[in-house]
PDB file of N, CA and C in Angstrom:
ATOM      1  N   MET A   1      -8.907 -22.056  -4.454  1.00  0.00           N
ATOM      2  CA  MET A   1      -7.962 -22.876  -5.354  1.00  0.00           C
ATOM      3  C   MET A   1      -8.448 -22.445  -6.805  1.00  0.00           C
ATOM      4  N   ILE A   2      -7.387 -22.275  -7.545  1.00  0.00           N
ATOM      5  CA  ILE A   2      -7.568 -22.024  -9.010  1.00  0.00           C
ATOM      6  C   ILE A   2      -6.754 -23.099  -9.715  1.00  0.00           C
ATOM      7  N   LYS A   3      -7.477 -23.720 -10.659  1.00  0.00           N
ATOM      8  CA  LYS A   3      -6.865 -24.742 -11.497  1.00  0.00           C
ATOM      9  C   LYS A   3      -6.379 -24.108 -12.785  1.00  0.00           C
ATOM     10  N   THR A   4      -5.110 -24.442 -13.073  1.00  0.00           N
ATOM     11  CA  THR A   4      -4.554 -23.970 -14.409  1.00  0.00           C
ATOM     12  C   THR A   4      -4.249 -25.181 -15.220  1.00  0.00           C
ATOM     13  N   THR A   5      -3.628 -25.010 -16.248  1.00  0.00           N
ATOM     14  CA  THR A   5      -3.409 -26.162 -17.266  1.00  0.00           C
ATOM     15  C   THR A   5      -2.498 -27.308 -16.434  1.00  0.00           C
ATOM     16  N   ASN A   6      -1.481 -26.800 -15.809  1.00  0.00           N
ATOM     17  CA  ASN A   6      -0.498 -27.762 -15.148  1.00  0.00           C
ATOM     18  C   ASN A   6      -0.382 -27.545 -13.638  1.00  0.00           C
ATOM     19  N   TYR A   7      -0.989 -26.476 -13.115  1.00  0.00           N
ATOM     20  CA  TYR A   7      -0.842 -26.151 -11.695  1.00  0.00           C
ATOM     21  C   TYR A   7      -2.163 -25.971 -11.031  1.00  0.00           C
ATOM     22  N   ILE A   8      -2.134 -26.162  -9.748  1.00  0.00           N
ATOM     23  CA  ILE A   8      -3.247 -25.844  -8.820  1.00  0.00           C
ATOM     24  C   ILE A   8      -2.686 -24.825  -7.865  1.00  0.00           C
ATOM     25  N   LEU A   9      -3.255 -23.698  -7.843  1.00  0.00           N
ATOM     26  CA  LEU A   9      -2.816 -22.515  -6.929  1.00  0.00           C
ATOM     27  C   LEU A   9      -3.654 -22.529  -5.690  1.00  0.00           C
ATOM     28  N   PHE A  10      -3.191 -22.531  -4.555  1.00  0.00           N
ATOM     29  CA  PHE A  10      -4.064 -22.384  -3.317  1.00  0.00           C
ATOM     30  C   PHE A  10      -3.783 -21.035  -2.765  1.00  0.00           C
ATOM     31  N   PHE A  11      -4.825 -20.347  -2.463  1.00  0.00           N
ATOM     32  CA  PHE A  11      -4.731 -19.013  -1.885  1.00  0.00           C
ATOM     33  C   PHE A  11      -5.368 -19.051  -0.492  1.00  0.00           C
ATOM     34  N   ASN A  12      -4.691 -18.469   0.472  1.00  0.00           N
ATOM     35  CA  ASN A  12      -5.290 -18.402   1.833  1.00  0.00           C
ATOM     36  C   ASN A  12      -6.383 -17.281   1.879  1.00  0.00           C
ATOM     37  N   ASP A  13      -7.043 -17.195   2.917  1.00  0.00           N
ATOM     38  CA  ASP A  13      -8.198 -16.164   3.048  1.00  0.00           C
ATOM     39  C   ASP A  13      -7.669 -14.836   2.904  1.00  0.00           C
ATOM     40  N   SER A  14      -6.491 -14.507   3.451  1.00  0.00           N
ATOM     41  CA  SER A  14      -5.935 -13.164   3.309  1.00  0.00           C
ATOM     42  C   SER A  14      -5.684 -12.677   1.923  1.00  0.00           C
ATOM     43  N   VAL A  15      -5.209 -13.620   1.112  1.00  0.00           N
ATOM     44  CA  VAL A  15      -4.869 -13.350  -0.350  1.00  0.00           C
ATOM     45  C   VAL A  15      -6.269 -13.114  -1.084  1.00  0.00           C
ATOM     46  N   ILE A  16      -7.139 -14.054  -0.838  1.00  0.00           N
ATOM     47  CA  ILE A  16      -8.554 -13.782  -1.489  1.00  0.00           C
ATOM     48  C   ILE A  16      -9.166 -12.496  -0.989  1.00  0.00           C
ATOM     49  N   GLY A  17      -9.063 -12.242   0.261  1.00  0.00           N
ATOM     50  CA  GLY A  17      -9.636 -10.937   0.787  1.00  0.00           C
ATOM     51  C   GLY A  17      -8.969  -9.713   0.180  1.00  0.00           C
ATOM     52  N   MET A  18      -7.701  -9.836  -0.031  1.00  0.00           N
ATOM     53  CA  MET A  18      -6.932  -8.668  -0.541  1.00  0.00           C
ATOM     54  C   MET A  18      -7.400  -8.582  -2.072  1.00  0.00           C
ATOM     55  N   ILE A  19      -7.604  -9.594  -2.778  1.00  0.00           N
ATOM     56  CA  ILE A  19      -8.022  -9.531  -4.167  1.00  0.00           C
ATOM     57  C   ILE A  19      -9.418  -8.922  -4.231  1.00  0.00           C
ATOM     58  N   GLU A  20     -10.300  -9.408  -3.335  1.00  0.00           N
ATOM     59  CA  GLU A  20     -11.651  -8.838  -3.317  1.00  0.00           C
ATOM     60  C   GLU A  20     -11.635  -7.344  -2.984  1.00  0.00           C
ATOM     61  N   ALA A  21     -10.766  -6.943  -2.021  1.00  0.00           N
ATOM     62  CA  ALA A  21     -10.792  -5.558  -1.685  1.00  0.00           C
ATOM     63  C   ALA A  21     -10.279  -4.713  -2.906  1.00  0.00           C
ATOM     64  N   ILE A  22      -9.197  -5.173  -3.524  1.00  0.00           N
ATOM     65  CA  ILE A  22      -8.716  -4.443  -4.580  1.00  0.00           C
ATOM     66  C   ILE A  22      -9.764  -4.376  -5.833  1.00  0.00           C
ATOM     67  N   ALA A  23     -10.426  -5.417  -5.960  1.00  0.00           N
ATOM     68  CA  ALA A  23     -11.543  -5.343  -7.036  1.00  0.00           C
ATOM     69  C   ALA A  23     -12.595  -4.378  -6.602  1.00  0.00           C
ATOM     70  N   HIS A  24     -12.968  -4.398  -5.358  1.00  0.00           N
ATOM     71  CA  HIS A  24     -13.974  -3.367  -4.891  1.00  0.00           C
ATOM     72  C   HIS A  24     -13.457  -1.948  -5.067  1.00  0.00           C
ATOM     73  N   LEU A  25     -12.267  -1.746  -4.761  1.00  0.00           N
ATOM     74  CA  LEU A  25     -11.699  -0.311  -4.986  1.00  0.00           C
ATOM     75  C   LEU A  25     -11.668   0.050  -6.426  1.00  0.00           C
ATOM     76  N   LEU A  26     -11.169  -0.813  -7.271  1.00  0.00           N
ATOM     77  CA  LEU A  26     -11.122  -0.512  -8.610  1.00  0.00           C
ATOM     78  C   LEU A  26     -12.452  -0.225  -9.282  1.00  0.00           C
ATOM     79  N   ASN A  27     -13.476  -0.949  -8.769  1.00  0.00           N
ATOM     80  CA  ASN A  27     -14.750  -0.787  -9.272  1.00  0.00           C
ATOM     81  C   ASN A  27     -15.605   0.368  -8.423  1.00  0.00           C
ATOM     82  N   ARG A  28     -14.881   0.875  -7.489  1.00  0.00           N
ATOM     83  CA  ARG A  28     -15.465   1.943  -6.607  1.00  0.00           C
ATOM     84  C   ARG A  28     -16.748   1.465  -5.917  1.00  0.00           C
ATOM     85  N   ASP A  29     -16.741   0.151  -5.546  1.00  0.00           N
ATOM     86  CA  ASP A  29     -17.844  -0.510  -4.858  1.00  0.00           C
ATOM     87  C   ASP A  29     -17.556  -0.206  -3.353  1.00  0.00           C
ATOM     88  N   TYR A  30     -17.734   0.949  -2.859  1.00  0.00           N
ATOM     89  CA  TYR A  30     -17.249   1.184  -1.471  1.00  0.00           C
ATOM     90  C   TYR A  30     -18.144   0.581  -0.526  1.00  0.00           C
ATOM     91  N   THR A  31     -19.390   0.305  -0.843  1.00  0.00           N
ATOM     92  CA  THR A  31     -20.164  -0.356   0.239  1.00  0.00           C
ATOM     93  C   THR A  31     -19.643  -1.692   0.633  1.00  0.00           C
ATOM     94  N   GLU A  32     -18.865  -2.302  -0.198  1.00  0.00           N
ATOM     95  CA  GLU A  32     -18.204  -3.586   0.192  1.00  0.00           C
ATOM     96  C   GLU A  32     -16.973  -3.397   0.994  1.00  0.00           C
ATOM     97  N   ILE A  33     -16.340  -2.294   0.817  1.00  0.00           N
ATOM     98  CA  ILE A  33     -15.043  -1.989   1.456  1.00  0.00           C
ATOM     99  C   ILE A  33     -15.026  -2.176   2.930  1.00  0.00           C
ATOM    100  N   GLY A  34     -16.116  -1.821   3.666  1.00  0.00           N
ATOM    101  CA  GLY A  34     -16.190  -2.064   5.033  1.00  0.00           C
ATOM    102  C   GLY A  34     -16.059  -3.438   5.462  1.00  0.00           C
ATOM    103  N   GLN A  35     -16.840  -4.299   4.777  1.00  0.00           N
ATOM    104  CA  GLN A  35     -16.705  -5.760   4.954  1.00  0.00           C
ATOM    105  C   GLN A  35     -15.374  -6.373   4.526  1.00  0.00           C
ATOM    106  N   ASP A  36     -14.834  -5.864   3.560  1.00  0.00           N
ATOM    107  CA  ASP A  36     -13.470  -6.306   3.114  1.00  0.00           C
ATOM    108  C   ASP A  36     -12.463  -5.938   4.247  1.00  0.00           C
ATOM    109  N   PHE A  37     -12.605  -4.797   4.839  1.00  0.00           N
ATOM    110  CA  PHE A  37     -11.732  -4.429   5.999  1.00  0.00           C
ATOM    111  C   PHE A  37     -11.930  -5.310   7.206  1.00  0.00           C
ATOM    112  N   ILE A  38     -13.140  -5.817   7.415  1.00  0.00           N
ATOM    113  CA  ILE A  38     -13.486  -6.777   8.399  1.00  0.00           C
ATOM    114  C   ILE A  38     -12.826  -8.134   8.048  1.00  0.00           C
ATOM    115  N   ASN A  39     -13.023  -8.539   6.870  1.00  0.00           N
ATOM    116  CA  ASN A  39     -12.460  -9.809   6.389  1.00  0.00           C
ATOM    117  C   ASN A  39     -10.953  -9.924   6.424  1.00  0.00           C
ATOM    118  N   LEU A  40     -10.329  -8.785   6.228  1.00  0.00           N
ATOM    119  CA  LEU A  40      -8.905  -8.657   6.230  1.00  0.00           C
ATOM    120  C   LEU A  40      -8.390  -8.360   7.811  1.00  0.00           C
ATOM    121  N   ASP A  41      -9.297  -8.360   8.671  1.00  0.00           N
ATOM    122  CA  ASP A  41      -8.985  -8.064  10.072  1.00  0.00           C
ATOM    123  C   ASP A  41      -8.383  -6.683  10.484  1.00  0.00           C
ATOM    124  N   PHE A  42      -8.748  -5.686   9.579  1.00  0.00           N
ATOM    125  CA  PHE A  42      -8.456  -4.354   9.898  1.00  0.00           C
ATOM    126  C   PHE A  42      -9.422  -3.652  10.736  1.00  0.00           C
ATOM    127  N   ILE A  43     -10.650  -4.293  10.744  1.00  0.00           N
ATOM    128  CA  ILE A  43     -11.709  -3.763  11.576  1.00  0.00           C
ATOM    129  C   ILE A  43     -12.302  -4.986  12.366  1.00  0.00           C
ATOM    130  N   PRO A  44     -12.563  -4.853  13.685  1.00  0.00           N
ATOM    131  CA  PRO A  44     -13.064  -6.095  14.342  1.00  0.00           C
ATOM    132  C   PRO A  44     -14.306  -6.579  13.851  1.00  0.00           C
ATOM    133  N   LYS A  45     -14.509  -7.915  13.811  1.00  0.00           N
ATOM    134  CA  LYS A  45     -15.828  -8.498  13.521  1.00  0.00           C
ATOM    135  C   LYS A  45     -16.902  -7.826  14.385  1.00  0.00           C
ATOM    136  N   GLY A  46     -18.033  -7.850  13.880  1.00  0.00           N
ATOM    137  CA  GLY A  46     -19.193  -7.259  14.580  1.00  0.00           C
ATOM    138  C   GLY A  46     -19.333  -5.731  14.621  1.00  0.00           C
ATOM    139  N   THR A  47     -18.306  -4.997  13.994  1.00  0.00           N
ATOM    140  CA  THR A  47     -18.302  -3.614  13.983  1.00  0.00           C
ATOM    141  C   THR A  47     -19.296  -3.088  12.942  1.00  0.00           C
ATOM    142  N   ASP A  48     -20.184  -2.091  13.162  1.00  0.00           N
ATOM    143  CA  ASP A  48     -21.023  -1.560  12.200  1.00  0.00           C
ATOM    144  C   ASP A  48     -20.128  -0.606  11.315  1.00  0.00           C
ATOM    145  N   THR A  49     -20.062  -0.975  10.062  1.00  0.00           N
ATOM    146  CA  THR A  49     -19.159  -0.182   9.119  1.00  0.00           C
ATOM    147  C   THR A  49     -19.906   0.904   8.510  1.00  0.00           C
ATOM    148  N   ALA A  50     -21.165   1.060   8.693  1.00  0.00           N
ATOM    149  CA  ALA A  50     -22.052   2.126   8.040  1.00  0.00           C
ATOM    150  C   ALA A  50     -21.429   3.502   8.239  1.00  0.00           C
ATOM    151  N   PRO A  51     -20.964   3.899   9.422  1.00  0.00           N
ATOM    152  CA  PRO A  51     -20.311   5.216   9.543  1.00  0.00           C
ATOM    153  C   PRO A  51     -18.929   5.286   9.047  1.00  0.00           C
ATOM    154  N   ILE A  52     -18.205   4.230   8.791  1.00  0.00           N
ATOM    155  CA  ILE A  52     -16.843   4.151   8.366  1.00  0.00           C
ATOM    156  C   ILE A  52     -16.886   4.335   6.798  1.00  0.00           C
ATOM    157  N   VAL A  53     -17.820   3.714   6.099  1.00  0.00           N
ATOM    158  CA  VAL A  53     -17.815   3.631   4.583  1.00  0.00           C
ATOM    159  C   VAL A  53     -17.753   5.029   4.023  1.00  0.00           C
ATOM    160  N   PRO A  54     -18.502   6.039   4.609  1.00  0.00           N
ATOM    161  CA  PRO A  54     -18.423   7.347   3.916  1.00  0.00           C
ATOM    162  C   PRO A  54     -17.057   7.922   4.049  1.00  0.00           C
ATOM    163  N   ALA A  55     -16.457   7.677   5.226  1.00  0.00           N
ATOM    164  CA  ALA A  55     -15.074   8.260   5.319  1.00  0.00           C
ATOM    165  C   ALA A  55     -14.091   7.584   4.396  1.00  0.00           C
ATOM    166  N   LEU A  56     -14.169   6.333   4.204  1.00  0.00           N
ATOM    167  CA  LEU A  56     -13.269   5.611   3.360  1.00  0.00           C
ATOM    168  C   LEU A  56     -13.579   5.956   1.832  1.00  0.00           C
ATOM    169  N   THR A  57     -14.862   6.184   1.529  1.00  0.00           N
ATOM    170  CA  THR A  57     -15.214   6.563   0.233  1.00  0.00           C
ATOM    171  C   THR A  57     -14.617   7.962  -0.119  1.00  0.00           C
ATOM    172  N   LYS A  58     -14.590   8.873   0.699  1.00  0.00           N
ATOM    173  CA  LYS A  58     -14.000  10.144   0.509  1.00  0.00           C
ATOM    174  C   LYS A  58     -12.477  10.031   0.207  1.00  0.00           C
ATOM    175  N   VAL A  59     -11.836   9.265   1.059  1.00  0.00           N
ATOM    176  CA  VAL A  59     -10.401   9.105   0.941  1.00  0.00           C
ATOM    177  C   VAL A  59     -10.079   8.428  -0.424  1.00  0.00           C
ATOM    178  N   PHE A  60     -10.775   7.347  -0.709  1.00  0.00           N
ATOM    179  CA  PHE A  60     -10.378   6.549  -1.921  1.00  0.00           C
ATOM    180  C   PHE A  60     -10.845   7.249  -3.171  1.00  0.00           C
ATOM    181  N   ASP A  61     -11.978   8.077  -3.169  1.00  0.00           N
ATOM    182  CA  ASP A  61     -12.372   8.849  -4.271  1.00  0.00           C
ATOM    183  C   ASP A  61     -11.334   9.845  -4.617  1.00  0.00           C
ATOM    184  N   VAL A  62     -10.739  10.480  -3.559  1.00  0.00           N
ATOM    185  CA  VAL A  62      -9.686  11.468  -3.864  1.00  0.00           C
ATOM    186  C   VAL A  62      -8.463  10.747  -4.392  1.00  0.00           C
ATOM    187  N   ALA A  63      -8.118   9.639  -3.760  1.00  0.00           N
ATOM    188  CA  ALA A  63      -6.884   8.972  -4.155  1.00  0.00           C
ATOM    189  C   ALA A  63      -7.022   8.416  -5.758  1.00  0.00           C
ATOM    190  N   LEU A  64      -8.202   8.005  -6.035  1.00  0.00           N
ATOM    191  CA  LEU A  64      -8.379   7.290  -7.376  1.00  0.00           C
ATOM    192  C   LEU A  64      -8.906   8.378  -8.454  1.00  0.00           C
ATOM    193  N   ALA A  65      -8.941   9.628  -8.126  1.00  0.00           N
ATOM    194  CA  ALA A  65      -9.391  10.647  -8.968  1.00  0.00           C
ATOM    195  C   ALA A  65      -8.514  11.100  -9.986  1.00  0.00           C
ATOM    196  N   GLY A  66      -7.304  10.576 -10.103  1.00  0.00           N
ATOM    197  CA  GLY A  66      -6.409  11.205 -11.080  1.00  0.00           C
ATOM    198  C   GLY A  66      -6.069  10.230 -12.386  1.00  0.00           C
ATOM    199  N   GLY A  67      -6.852   9.154 -12.431  1.00  0.00           N
ATOM    200  CA  GLY A  67      -6.524   8.339 -13.620  1.00  0.00           C
ATOM    201  C   GLY A  67      -5.818   7.016 -13.309  1.00  0.00           C
ATOM    202  N   GLY A  68      -5.830   6.494 -12.140  1.00  0.00           N
ATOM    203  CA  GLY A  68      -5.236   5.216 -11.972  1.00  0.00           C
ATOM    204  C   GLY A  68      -4.044   5.227 -10.930  1.00  0.00           C
ATOM    205  N   ALA A  69      -3.322   4.121 -10.852  1.00  0.00           N
ATOM    206  CA  ALA A  69      -2.417   3.939  -9.866  1.00  0.00           C
ATOM    207  C   ALA A  69      -1.238   4.863  -9.918  1.00  0.00           C
ATOM    208  N   LYS A  70      -0.858   5.212 -11.246  1.00  0.00           N
ATOM    209  CA  LYS A  70       0.334   6.110 -11.409  1.00  0.00           C
ATOM    210  C   LYS A  70       0.100   7.439 -10.788  1.00  0.00           C
ATOM    211  N   SER A  71      -1.136   7.961 -10.672  1.00  0.00           N
ATOM    212  CA  SER A  71      -1.253   9.316 -10.219  1.00  0.00           C
ATOM    213  C   SER A  71      -1.630   9.286  -8.749  1.00  0.00           C
ATOM    214  N   ILE A  72      -1.732   8.157  -8.067  1.00  0.00           N
ATOM    215  CA  ILE A  72      -1.974   8.149  -6.659  1.00  0.00           C
ATOM    216  C   ILE A  72      -0.836   8.560  -5.790  1.00  0.00           C
ATOM    217  N   ASN A  73      -1.077   9.553  -5.058  1.00  0.00           N
ATOM    218  CA  ASN A  73      -0.132  10.041  -4.076  1.00  0.00           C
ATOM    219  C   ASN A  73      -0.247   9.277  -2.819  1.00  0.00           C
ATOM    220  N   PHE A  74       0.612   8.225  -2.642  1.00  0.00           N
ATOM    221  CA  PHE A  74       0.571   7.258  -1.608  1.00  0.00           C
ATOM    222  C   PHE A  74       0.814   7.867  -0.309  1.00  0.00           C
ATOM    223  N   GLN A  75       1.514   9.026  -0.169  1.00  0.00           N
ATOM    224  CA  GLN A  75       1.820   9.590   1.164  1.00  0.00           C
ATOM    225  C   GLN A  75       0.587  10.266   1.709  1.00  0.00           C
ATOM    226  N   GLU A  76      -0.135  10.896   0.683  1.00  0.00           N
ATOM    227  CA  GLU A  76      -1.448  11.594   1.100  1.00  0.00           C
ATOM    228  C   GLU A  76      -2.403  10.516   1.544  1.00  0.00           C
ATOM    229  N   LEU A  77      -2.439   9.479   0.660  1.00  0.00           N
ATOM    230  CA  LEU A  77      -3.395   8.381   0.968  1.00  0.00           C
ATOM    231  C   LEU A  77      -3.188   7.808   2.301  1.00  0.00           C
ATOM    232  N   ALA A  78      -1.939   7.455   2.559  1.00  0.00           N
ATOM    233  CA  ALA A  78      -1.572   6.948   3.947  1.00  0.00           C
ATOM    234  C   ALA A  78      -1.890   7.949   5.025  1.00  0.00           C
ATOM    235  N   ALA A  79      -1.682   9.117   4.806  1.00  0.00           N
ATOM    236  CA  ALA A  79      -1.932  10.157   5.878  1.00  0.00           C
ATOM    237  C   ALA A  79      -3.528  10.214   6.048  1.00  0.00           C
ATOM    238  N   ASP A  80      -4.296  10.217   5.049  1.00  0.00           N
ATOM    239  CA  ASP A  80      -5.748  10.292   5.146  1.00  0.00           C
ATOM    240  C   ASP A  80      -6.244   9.072   5.808  1.00  0.00           C
ATOM    241  N   LEU A  81      -5.785   7.831   5.429  1.00  0.00           N
ATOM    242  CA  LEU A  81      -6.210   6.647   6.102  1.00  0.00           C
ATOM    243  C   LEU A  81      -5.795   6.638   7.585  1.00  0.00           C
ATOM    244  N   ALA A  82      -4.655   7.118   7.946  1.00  0.00           N
ATOM    245  CA  ALA A  82      -4.222   7.243   9.263  1.00  0.00           C
ATOM    246  C   ALA A  82      -5.120   8.084  10.089  1.00  0.00           C
ATOM    247  N   GLU A  83      -5.680   9.138   9.506  1.00  0.00           N
ATOM    248  CA  GLU A  83      -6.635   9.973  10.269  1.00  0.00           C
ATOM    249  C   GLU A  83      -7.861   9.091  10.529  1.00  0.00           C
ATOM    250  N   ILE A  84      -8.387   8.356   9.691  1.00  0.00           N
ATOM    251  CA  ILE A  84      -9.520   7.601   9.886  1.00  0.00           C
ATOM    252  C   ILE A  84      -9.315   6.557  10.963  1.00  0.00           C
ATOM    253  N   THR A  85      -8.150   6.014  10.988  1.00  0.00           N
ATOM    254  CA  THR A  85      -7.871   5.010  12.128  1.00  0.00           C
ATOM    255  C   THR A  85      -7.946   5.503  13.512  1.00  0.00           C
ATOM    256  N   PHE A  86      -7.802   6.880  13.693  1.00  0.00           N
ATOM    257  CA  PHE A  86      -8.009   7.382  15.021  1.00  0.00           C
ATOM    258  C   PHE A  86      -9.431   7.644  15.352  1.00  0.00           C
ATOM    259  N   GLU A  87     -10.328   7.768  14.346  1.00  0.00           N
ATOM    260  CA  GLU A  87     -11.746   7.977  14.493  1.00  0.00           C
ATOM    261  C   GLU A  87     -12.613   6.820  14.640  1.00  0.00           C
ATOM    262  N   TYR A  88     -12.052   5.673  14.002  1.00  0.00           N
ATOM    263  CA  TYR A  88     -12.870   4.465  13.977  1.00  0.00           C
ATOM    264  C   TYR A  88     -11.956   3.274  14.502  1.00  0.00           C
ATOM    265  N   PRO A  89     -12.685   2.107  14.781  1.00  0.00           N
ATOM    266  CA  PRO A  89     -11.888   1.037  15.406  1.00  0.00           C
ATOM    267  C   PRO A  89     -11.037   0.186  14.455  1.00  0.00           C
ATOM    268  N   PHE A  90      -9.985   0.820  13.923  1.00  0.00           N
ATOM    269  CA  PHE A  90      -9.130   0.072  13.072  1.00  0.00           C
ATOM    270  C   PHE A  90      -7.934  -0.488  13.822  1.00  0.00           C
ATOM    271  N   ARG A  91      -7.422  -1.489  13.318  1.00  0.00           N
ATOM    272  CA  ARG A  91      -6.195  -2.119  14.007  1.00  0.00           C
ATOM    273  C   ARG A  91      -5.351  -2.775  12.796  1.00  0.00           C
ATOM    274  N   ILE A  92      -4.136  -3.070  13.295  1.00  0.00           N
ATOM    275  CA  ILE A  92      -3.199  -3.842  12.364  1.00  0.00           C
ATOM    276  C   ILE A  92      -3.396  -5.287  12.550  1.00  0.00           C
ATOM    277  N   PRO A  93      -3.720  -6.048  11.487  1.00  0.00           N
ATOM    278  CA  PRO A  93      -3.935  -7.489  11.698  1.00  0.00           C
ATOM    279  C   PRO A  93      -2.702  -8.220  12.213  1.00  0.00           C
ATOM    280  N   PRO A  94      -2.890  -9.283  13.003  1.00  0.00           N
ATOM    281  CA  PRO A  94      -1.707 -10.069  13.318  1.00  0.00           C
ATOM    282  C   PRO A  94      -1.000 -10.725  12.207  1.00  0.00           C
TER     283      PRO A  94
END
């Protein structure tokens, strides 16, 4: 919940999880990305993310290497992430 002058905004866990994941990506705090993916239900709870984090780090470093969101090639990012989903236990959340 966030209180503003005249409004109270309620965010569900998915929204908060997405905000946290974006913050971790922007700060390149990749050690937290594995847990973010668990919190967002992209990776099953109880999964050891230690082997996944280096693969995600490589993909996101390449995607973020050009100076921000304007330079991200989303087709390449999606293709790289798709490859990882075949190697590790990723799923589409309900």
